[in-house]
Amino acid sequence: MKNRSFLAFDYGEKYIGVAVGSSHRRVAEPVTTLRGSAKNPDWSGVSRLIDEWHPDALIVGLPLNMDGSDNPMTRAARAFGLRLKERYNLPVHMVDERLSTLAARDILNEAGVPMRRHKSRLDKLAAQTILQAFLNELPGASP
């Protein structure tokens, strides 16, 4: 089976966390956090990352309420995914991101990172959590 690489995005109103991973290693790694607004993401930053990593597909976290219903960010994240697909002509997979930020915050707390330094790391760790969930669901993944 061909090794496929993925670039994942934790889309937010002010920041977009980014992570990378592959179907071969099945390990997601945090990359960076891009600044930008919901209306105007940092497209030059996204383009640089796509040029650097050459992903086969893009993953976007889909923010849902705990009951699975949409919330105000759900539509924005879907629109971002659509814009990624149109701009870069790559497959885009939307992945349920419920609890990804909470999981990222737990990772930072366990690592002893002071609260004041969480924001600079939280978004890319949330993207890592989203991508890891996607990689874990790929066919052939270990339980």
N, C-alpha and C. Protein backbone atom coordinates (compact mmCIF):
# COMPACT_ATOMS: atom_id res chain seq x y z
N MET A 1 0.85 -1.19 0.00
CA MET A 1 0.00 0.00 0.00
C MET A 1 0.89 1.25 0.00
N LYS A 2 0.53 2.21 -0.79
CA LYS A 2 1.31 3.46 -0.92
C LYS A 2 1.28 4.26 0.38
N ASN A 3 2.44 4.80 0.75
CA ASN A 3 2.52 5.69 1.90
C ASN A 3 1.87 7.02 1.51
N ARG A 4 0.90 7.44 2.28
CA ARG A 4 0.23 8.72 2.03
C ARG A 4 0.56 9.67 3.18
N SER A 5 0.75 10.94 2.84
CA SER A 5 1.01 11.94 3.87
C SER A 5 -0.19 12.86 4.01
N PHE A 6 -0.35 13.39 5.21
CA PHE A 6 -1.51 14.21 5.53
C PHE A 6 -1.08 15.45 6.28
N LEU A 7 -1.77 16.53 5.98
CA LEU A 7 -1.61 17.79 6.72
C LEU A 7 -2.95 18.07 7.35
N ALA A 8 -2.96 18.30 8.66
CA ALA A 8 -4.21 18.49 9.39
C ALA A 8 -4.30 19.91 9.95
N PHE A 9 -5.52 20.41 10.02
CA PHE A 9 -5.78 21.77 10.48
C PHE A 9 -6.82 21.77 11.59
N ASP A 10 -6.49 22.46 12.68
CA ASP A 10 -7.46 22.76 13.73
C ASP A 10 -7.86 24.21 13.48
N TYR A 11 -8.98 24.39 12.81
CA TYR A 11 -9.42 25.71 12.35
C TYR A 11 -10.07 26.50 13.47
N GLY A 12 -9.64 27.74 13.65
CA GLY A 12 -10.22 28.61 14.65
C GLY A 12 -10.42 30.01 14.11
N GLU A 13 -11.06 30.85 14.90
CA GLU A 13 -11.35 32.22 14.45
C GLU A 13 -10.09 33.08 14.35
N LYS A 14 -9.08 32.83 15.19
CA LYS A 14 -7.86 33.63 15.17
C LYS A 14 -6.62 32.83 14.82
N TYR A 15 -6.64 31.54 15.09
CA TYR A 15 -5.47 30.69 14.88
C TYR A 15 -5.87 29.39 14.21
N ILE A 16 -4.94 28.83 13.44
CA ILE A 16 -5.14 27.53 12.81
C ILE A 16 -3.94 26.67 13.19
N GLY A 17 -4.20 25.63 13.99
CA GLY A 17 -3.14 24.69 14.34
C GLY A 17 -2.91 23.74 13.18
N VAL A 18 -1.65 23.33 13.00
CA VAL A 18 -1.30 22.45 11.88
C VAL A 18 -0.45 21.28 12.39
N ALA A 19 -0.75 20.09 11.86
CA ALA A 19 0.02 18.88 12.19
C ALA A 19 0.25 18.09 10.91
N VAL A 20 1.22 17.20 10.96
CA VAL A 20 1.56 16.37 9.80
C VAL A 20 1.67 14.92 10.25
N GLY A 21 1.39 14.01 9.32
CA GLY A 21 1.52 12.59 9.62
C GLY A 21 1.45 11.79 8.33
N SER A 22 1.69 10.49 8.45
CA SER A 22 1.66 9.63 7.26
C SER A 22 0.98 8.31 7.57
N SER A 23 0.51 7.65 6.52
CA SER A 23 -0.14 6.35 6.69
C SER A 23 0.89 5.29 7.04
N HIS A 24 2.15 5.53 6.74
CA HIS A 24 3.21 4.56 7.04
C HIS A 24 3.55 4.56 8.53
N ARG A 25 3.89 5.72 9.06
CA ARG A 25 4.28 5.83 10.48
C ARG A 25 3.08 5.84 11.41
N ARG A 26 1.95 6.38 10.92
CA ARG A 26 0.72 6.48 11.72
C ARG A 26 0.92 7.26 13.01
N VAL A 27 1.79 8.26 12.94
CA VAL A 27 2.02 9.13 14.09
C VAL A 27 1.87 10.57 13.62
N ALA A 28 1.00 11.31 14.29
CA ALA A 28 0.80 12.72 13.97
C ALA A 28 1.79 13.55 14.79
N GLU A 29 2.33 14.59 14.16
CA GLU A 29 3.27 15.48 14.83
C GLU A 29 2.81 16.92 14.66
N PRO A 30 2.85 17.71 15.74
CA PRO A 30 2.49 19.13 15.61
C PRO A 30 3.52 19.86 14.76
N VAL A 31 3.07 20.82 13.95
CA VAL A 31 3.98 21.56 13.08
C VAL A 31 4.06 23.03 13.48
N THR A 32 2.93 23.72 13.43
CA THR A 32 2.95 25.16 13.69
C THR A 32 1.53 25.64 13.96
N THR A 33 1.43 26.90 14.30
CA THR A 33 0.15 27.57 14.42
C THR A 33 0.19 28.79 13.52
N LEU A 34 -0.79 28.89 12.64
CA LEU A 34 -0.90 30.04 11.74
C LEU A 34 -1.87 31.05 12.33
N ARG A 35 -1.59 32.32 12.11
CA ARG A 35 -2.52 33.38 12.51
C ARG A 35 -3.41 33.71 11.33
N GLY A 36 -4.54 34.31 11.62
CA GLY A 36 -5.46 34.69 10.55
C GLY A 36 -6.87 34.70 11.10
N SER A 37 -7.73 35.38 10.41
CA SER A 37 -9.11 35.43 10.86
C SER A 37 -9.93 34.37 10.15
N ALA A 38 -11.12 34.13 10.67
CA ALA A 38 -12.00 33.15 10.04
C ALA A 38 -12.33 33.56 8.60
N LYS A 39 -12.46 34.86 8.39
CA LYS A 39 -12.78 35.34 7.04
C LYS A 39 -11.55 35.34 6.13
N ASN A 40 -10.36 35.47 6.71
CA ASN A 40 -9.15 35.57 5.91
C ASN A 40 -8.01 34.77 6.53
N PRO A 41 -8.03 33.42 6.34
CA PRO A 41 -6.95 32.60 6.86
C PRO A 41 -5.61 32.98 6.21
N ASP A 42 -4.53 32.57 6.81
CA ASP A 42 -3.19 32.84 6.30
C ASP A 42 -2.91 31.89 5.13
N TRP A 43 -3.43 32.24 3.96
CA TRP A 43 -3.29 31.37 2.79
C TRP A 43 -1.84 31.21 2.36
N SER A 44 -1.03 32.25 2.51
CA SER A 44 0.38 32.11 2.12
C SER A 44 1.07 31.11 3.06
N GLY A 45 0.71 31.12 4.34
CA GLY A 45 1.27 30.14 5.27
C GLY A 45 0.81 28.73 4.94
N VAL A 46 -0.47 28.57 4.61
CA VAL A 46 -0.98 27.26 4.21
C VAL A 46 -0.26 26.78 2.95
N SER A 47 -0.09 27.66 1.98
CA SER A 47 0.60 27.29 0.73
C SER A 47 2.04 26.85 1.01
N ARG A 48 2.74 27.58 1.88
CA ARG A 48 4.12 27.20 2.23
C ARG A 48 4.16 25.80 2.83
N LEU A 49 3.21 25.51 3.71
CA LEU A 49 3.18 24.19 4.34
C LEU A 49 2.87 23.09 3.33
N ILE A 50 1.97 23.35 2.42
CA ILE A 50 1.64 22.36 1.39
C ILE A 50 2.85 22.15 0.47
N ASP A 51 3.55 23.22 0.13
CA ASP A 51 4.76 23.09 -0.70
C ASP A 51 5.85 22.31 0.05
N GLU A 52 5.93 22.51 1.35
CA GLU A 52 6.97 21.84 2.14
C GLU A 52 6.67 20.36 2.37
N TRP A 53 5.44 20.03 2.70
CA TRP A 53 5.09 18.68 3.11
C TRP A 53 4.51 17.81 1.99
N HIS A 54 4.02 18.40 0.91
CA HIS A 54 3.44 17.66 -0.23
C HIS A 54 2.42 16.61 0.22
N PRO A 55 1.39 17.04 0.94
CA PRO A 55 0.41 16.05 1.44
C PRO A 55 -0.43 15.46 0.31
N ASP A 56 -0.86 14.22 0.53
CA ASP A 56 -1.78 13.56 -0.41
C ASP A 56 -3.22 13.93 -0.12
N ALA A 57 -3.48 14.36 1.11
CA ALA A 57 -4.83 14.77 1.51
C ALA A 57 -4.72 15.72 2.70
N LEU A 58 -5.79 16.47 2.91
CA LEU A 58 -5.86 17.43 4.00
C LEU A 58 -6.96 17.00 4.97
N ILE A 59 -6.72 17.23 6.25
CA ILE A 59 -7.65 16.86 7.30
C ILE A 59 -8.06 18.15 8.01
N VAL A 60 -9.35 18.33 8.21
CA VAL A 60 -9.83 19.51 8.93
C VAL A 60 -10.70 19.04 10.09
N GLY A 61 -10.39 19.56 11.28
CA GLY A 61 -11.20 19.24 12.44
C GLY A 61 -12.58 19.85 12.31
N LEU A 62 -13.59 19.05 12.61
CA LEU A 62 -14.98 19.50 12.52
C LEU A 62 -15.52 19.69 13.94
N PRO A 63 -15.66 20.95 14.35
CA PRO A 63 -16.15 21.20 15.71
C PRO A 63 -17.65 20.93 15.81
N LEU A 64 -18.00 20.02 16.68
CA LEU A 64 -19.40 19.67 16.92
C LEU A 64 -19.69 19.79 18.40
N ASN A 65 -20.95 19.97 18.73
CA ASN A 65 -21.37 19.93 20.13
C ASN A 65 -21.25 18.49 20.62
N MET A 66 -21.27 18.31 21.93
CA MET A 66 -21.12 16.96 22.49
C MET A 66 -22.22 16.01 22.03
N ASP A 67 -23.40 16.54 21.68
CA ASP A 67 -24.49 15.69 21.19
C ASP A 67 -24.40 15.44 19.68
N GLY A 68 -23.32 15.93 19.04
CA GLY A 68 -23.12 15.71 17.61
C GLY A 68 -23.75 16.77 16.72
N SER A 69 -24.45 17.72 17.31
CA SER A 69 -25.07 18.78 16.52
C SER A 69 -24.04 19.86 16.16
N ASP A 70 -24.40 20.65 15.16
CA ASP A 70 -23.54 21.75 14.72
C ASP A 70 -23.51 22.86 15.76
N ASN A 71 -22.41 23.60 15.77
CA ASN A 71 -22.31 24.82 16.57
C ASN A 71 -21.84 25.94 15.65
N PRO A 72 -21.70 27.16 16.13
CA PRO A 72 -21.34 28.26 15.23
C PRO A 72 -20.04 28.04 14.44
N MET A 73 -19.09 27.29 14.96
CA MET A 73 -17.83 27.07 14.24
C MET A 73 -17.90 25.95 13.21
N THR A 74 -18.93 25.11 13.30
CA THR A 74 -19.04 23.98 12.38
C THR A 74 -19.11 24.44 10.93
N ARG A 75 -19.97 25.41 10.65
CA ARG A 75 -20.11 25.92 9.29
C ARG A 75 -18.82 26.56 8.80
N ALA A 76 -18.15 27.32 9.66
CA ALA A 76 -16.89 27.97 9.29
C ALA A 76 -15.81 26.94 8.96
N ALA A 77 -15.72 25.88 9.75
CA ALA A 77 -14.73 24.83 9.50
C ALA A 77 -15.03 24.11 8.18
N ARG A 78 -16.31 23.84 7.92
CA ARG A 78 -16.67 23.20 6.65
C ARG A 78 -16.32 24.11 5.46
N ALA A 79 -16.58 25.40 5.61
CA ALA A 79 -16.25 26.36 4.54
C ALA A 79 -14.74 26.40 4.32
N PHE A 80 -13.96 26.36 5.40
CA PHE A 80 -12.51 26.33 5.29
C PHE A 80 -12.07 25.08 4.54
N GLY A 81 -12.65 23.93 4.87
CA GLY A 81 -12.32 22.69 4.17
C GLY A 81 -12.63 22.77 2.68
N LEU A 82 -13.76 23.37 2.34
CA LEU A 82 -14.14 23.54 0.94
C LEU A 82 -13.15 24.46 0.22
N ARG A 83 -12.76 25.54 0.88
CA ARG A 83 -11.79 26.46 0.29
C ARG A 83 -10.43 25.78 0.09
N LEU A 84 -10.02 24.94 1.03
CA LEU A 84 -8.77 24.18 0.86
C LEU A 84 -8.85 23.29 -0.37
N LYS A 85 -9.97 22.57 -0.51
CA LYS A 85 -10.15 21.66 -1.65
C LYS A 85 -10.09 22.43 -2.97
N GLU A 86 -10.76 23.59 -3.02
CA GLU A 86 -10.78 24.40 -4.24
C GLU A 86 -9.41 24.98 -4.55
N ARG A 87 -8.69 25.46 -3.56
CA ARG A 87 -7.39 26.10 -3.77
C ARG A 87 -6.29 25.11 -4.14
N TYR A 88 -6.28 23.95 -3.50
CA TYR A 88 -5.13 23.05 -3.64
C TYR A 88 -5.46 21.75 -4.37
N ASN A 89 -6.72 21.56 -4.74
CA ASN A 89 -7.13 20.38 -5.50
C ASN A 89 -6.67 19.08 -4.84
N LEU A 90 -6.85 19.03 -3.52
CA LEU A 90 -6.50 17.83 -2.76
C LEU A 90 -7.76 17.34 -2.04
N PRO A 91 -7.83 16.03 -1.79
CA PRO A 91 -8.96 15.54 -1.00
C PRO A 91 -8.94 16.16 0.40
N VAL A 92 -10.11 16.48 0.92
CA VAL A 92 -10.23 17.02 2.26
C VAL A 92 -11.16 16.12 3.06
N HIS A 93 -10.67 15.68 4.22
CA HIS A 93 -11.46 14.83 5.12
C HIS A 93 -11.79 15.64 6.37
N MET A 94 -13.06 15.70 6.70
CA MET A 94 -13.50 16.37 7.92
C MET A 94 -13.53 15.33 9.03
N VAL A 95 -12.92 15.67 10.18
CA VAL A 95 -12.80 14.72 11.29
C VAL A 95 -13.39 15.35 12.55
N ASP A 96 -14.25 14.60 13.21
CA ASP A 96 -14.86 15.05 14.46
C ASP A 96 -13.75 15.45 15.43
N GLU A 97 -13.80 16.69 15.88
CA GLU A 97 -12.74 17.17 16.78
C GLU A 97 -13.20 17.38 18.20
N ARG A 98 -14.36 16.84 18.54
CA ARG A 98 -14.82 16.98 19.93
C ARG A 98 -13.73 16.50 20.89
N LEU A 99 -13.46 17.30 21.87
CA LEU A 99 -12.50 17.02 22.93
C LEU A 99 -11.04 17.15 22.50
N SER A 100 -10.74 17.54 21.26
CA SER A 100 -9.34 17.65 20.84
C SER A 100 -8.60 18.74 21.62
N THR A 101 -9.24 19.87 21.86
CA THR A 101 -8.58 20.94 22.61
C THR A 101 -8.39 20.52 24.06
N LEU A 102 -9.38 19.84 24.62
CA LEU A 102 -9.26 19.35 25.99
C LEU A 102 -8.10 18.34 26.09
N ALA A 103 -8.00 17.45 25.11
CA ALA A 103 -6.89 16.48 25.10
C ALA A 103 -5.55 17.20 24.98
N ALA A 104 -5.48 18.21 24.13
CA ALA A 104 -4.24 18.98 23.96
C ALA A 104 -3.87 19.69 25.26
N ARG A 105 -4.86 20.25 25.94
CA ARG A 105 -4.61 20.94 27.21
C ARG A 105 -4.09 19.94 28.26
N ASP A 106 -4.64 18.72 28.27
CA ASP A 106 -4.17 17.69 29.20
C ASP A 106 -2.71 17.34 28.92
N ILE A 107 -2.34 17.24 27.64
CA ILE A 107 -0.96 16.94 27.26
C ILE A 107 -0.02 18.03 27.80
N LEU A 108 -0.41 19.28 27.62
CA LEU A 108 0.42 20.39 28.10
C LEU A 108 0.52 20.38 29.62
N ASN A 109 -0.58 20.14 30.31
CA ASN A 109 -0.56 20.08 31.77
C ASN A 109 0.36 18.96 32.27
N GLU A 110 0.24 17.78 31.65
CA GLU A 110 1.07 16.64 32.05
C GLU A 110 2.54 16.90 31.78
N ALA A 111 2.84 17.70 30.74
CA ALA A 111 4.23 18.03 30.42
C ALA A 111 4.76 19.15 31.30
N GLY A 112 3.90 19.72 32.14
CA GLY A 112 4.34 20.78 33.03
C GLY A 112 4.49 22.13 32.37
N VAL A 113 3.85 22.32 31.23
CA VAL A 113 3.92 23.61 30.53
C VAL A 113 3.06 24.62 31.29
N PRO A 114 3.64 25.77 31.67
CA PRO A 114 2.86 26.78 32.40
C PRO A 114 1.65 27.25 31.58
N MET A 115 0.55 27.52 32.29
CA MET A 115 -0.69 27.95 31.63
C MET A 115 -0.47 29.13 30.69
N ARG A 116 0.37 30.06 31.06
CA ARG A 116 0.59 31.26 30.23
C ARG A 116 1.21 30.90 28.87
N ARG A 117 1.78 29.71 28.75
CA ARG A 117 2.41 29.30 27.49
C ARG A 117 1.54 28.32 26.72
N HIS A 118 0.36 28.01 27.24
CA HIS A 118 -0.52 27.05 26.56
C HIS A 118 -0.96 27.54 25.18
N LYS A 119 -1.38 28.80 25.07
CA LYS A 119 -1.99 29.26 23.82
C LYS A 119 -1.06 29.06 22.63
N SER A 120 0.22 29.31 22.81
CA SER A 120 1.14 29.18 21.69
C SER A 120 1.29 27.74 21.21
N ARG A 121 0.90 26.79 22.04
CA ARG A 121 1.06 25.38 21.68
C ARG A 121 -0.25 24.62 21.50
N LEU A 122 -1.32 25.17 22.05
CA LEU A 122 -2.58 24.46 22.11
C LEU A 122 -3.15 24.10 20.74
N ASP A 123 -3.14 25.04 19.80
CA ASP A 123 -3.77 24.80 18.50
C ASP A 123 -3.06 23.73 17.68
N LYS A 124 -1.72 23.74 17.69
CA LYS A 124 -1.01 22.71 16.91
C LYS A 124 -1.14 21.34 17.58
N LEU A 125 -1.24 21.31 18.91
CA LEU A 125 -1.48 20.03 19.58
C LEU A 125 -2.89 19.52 19.33
N ALA A 126 -3.86 20.43 19.23
CA ALA A 126 -5.23 20.02 18.87
C ALA A 126 -5.24 19.43 17.46
N ALA A 127 -4.49 20.06 16.53
CA ALA A 127 -4.38 19.52 15.17
C ALA A 127 -3.74 18.13 15.20
N GLN A 128 -2.74 17.96 16.04
CA GLN A 128 -2.10 16.66 16.18
C GLN A 128 -3.11 15.61 16.67
N THR A 129 -3.93 15.97 17.64
CA THR A 129 -4.94 15.06 18.19
C THR A 129 -5.96 14.67 17.11
N ILE A 130 -6.38 15.66 16.31
CA ILE A 130 -7.33 15.42 15.22
C ILE A 130 -6.73 14.46 14.19
N LEU A 131 -5.49 14.73 13.80
CA LEU A 131 -4.83 13.89 12.79
C LEU A 131 -4.58 12.49 13.34
N GLN A 132 -4.19 12.39 14.61
CA GLN A 132 -3.96 11.06 15.19
C GLN A 132 -5.23 10.23 15.17
N ALA A 133 -6.36 10.85 15.47
CA ALA A 133 -7.65 10.14 15.41
C ALA A 133 -7.90 9.64 13.99
N PHE A 134 -7.60 10.48 12.98
CA PHE A 134 -7.78 10.07 11.58
C PHE A 134 -6.86 8.90 11.25
N LEU A 135 -5.59 9.01 11.62
CA LEU A 135 -4.62 7.94 11.32
C LEU A 135 -5.01 6.64 12.00
N ASN A 136 -5.54 6.72 13.21
CA ASN A 136 -5.95 5.53 13.94
C ASN A 136 -7.11 4.81 13.27
N GLU A 137 -7.90 5.52 12.47
CA GLU A 137 -9.06 4.94 11.80
C GLU A 137 -8.75 4.42 10.39
N LEU A 138 -7.54 4.66 9.91
CA LEU A 138 -7.18 4.17 8.57
C LEU A 138 -7.20 2.64 8.55
N PRO A 139 -7.58 2.04 7.42
CA PRO A 139 -7.56 0.58 7.33
C PRO A 139 -6.16 0.05 7.66
N GLY A 140 -6.13 -1.03 8.42
CA GLY A 140 -4.85 -1.62 8.78
C GLY A 140 -4.23 -1.04 10.03
N ALA A 141 -4.90 -0.07 10.65
CA ALA A 141 -4.37 0.53 11.88
C ALA A 141 -4.50 -0.47 13.02
N SER A 142 -3.53 -0.43 13.90
CA SER A 142 -3.57 -1.31 15.08
C SER A 142 -4.63 -0.79 16.05
N PRO A 143 -5.28 -1.70 16.78
CA PRO A 143 -6.29 -1.25 17.76
C PRO A 143 -5.65 -0.53 18.92
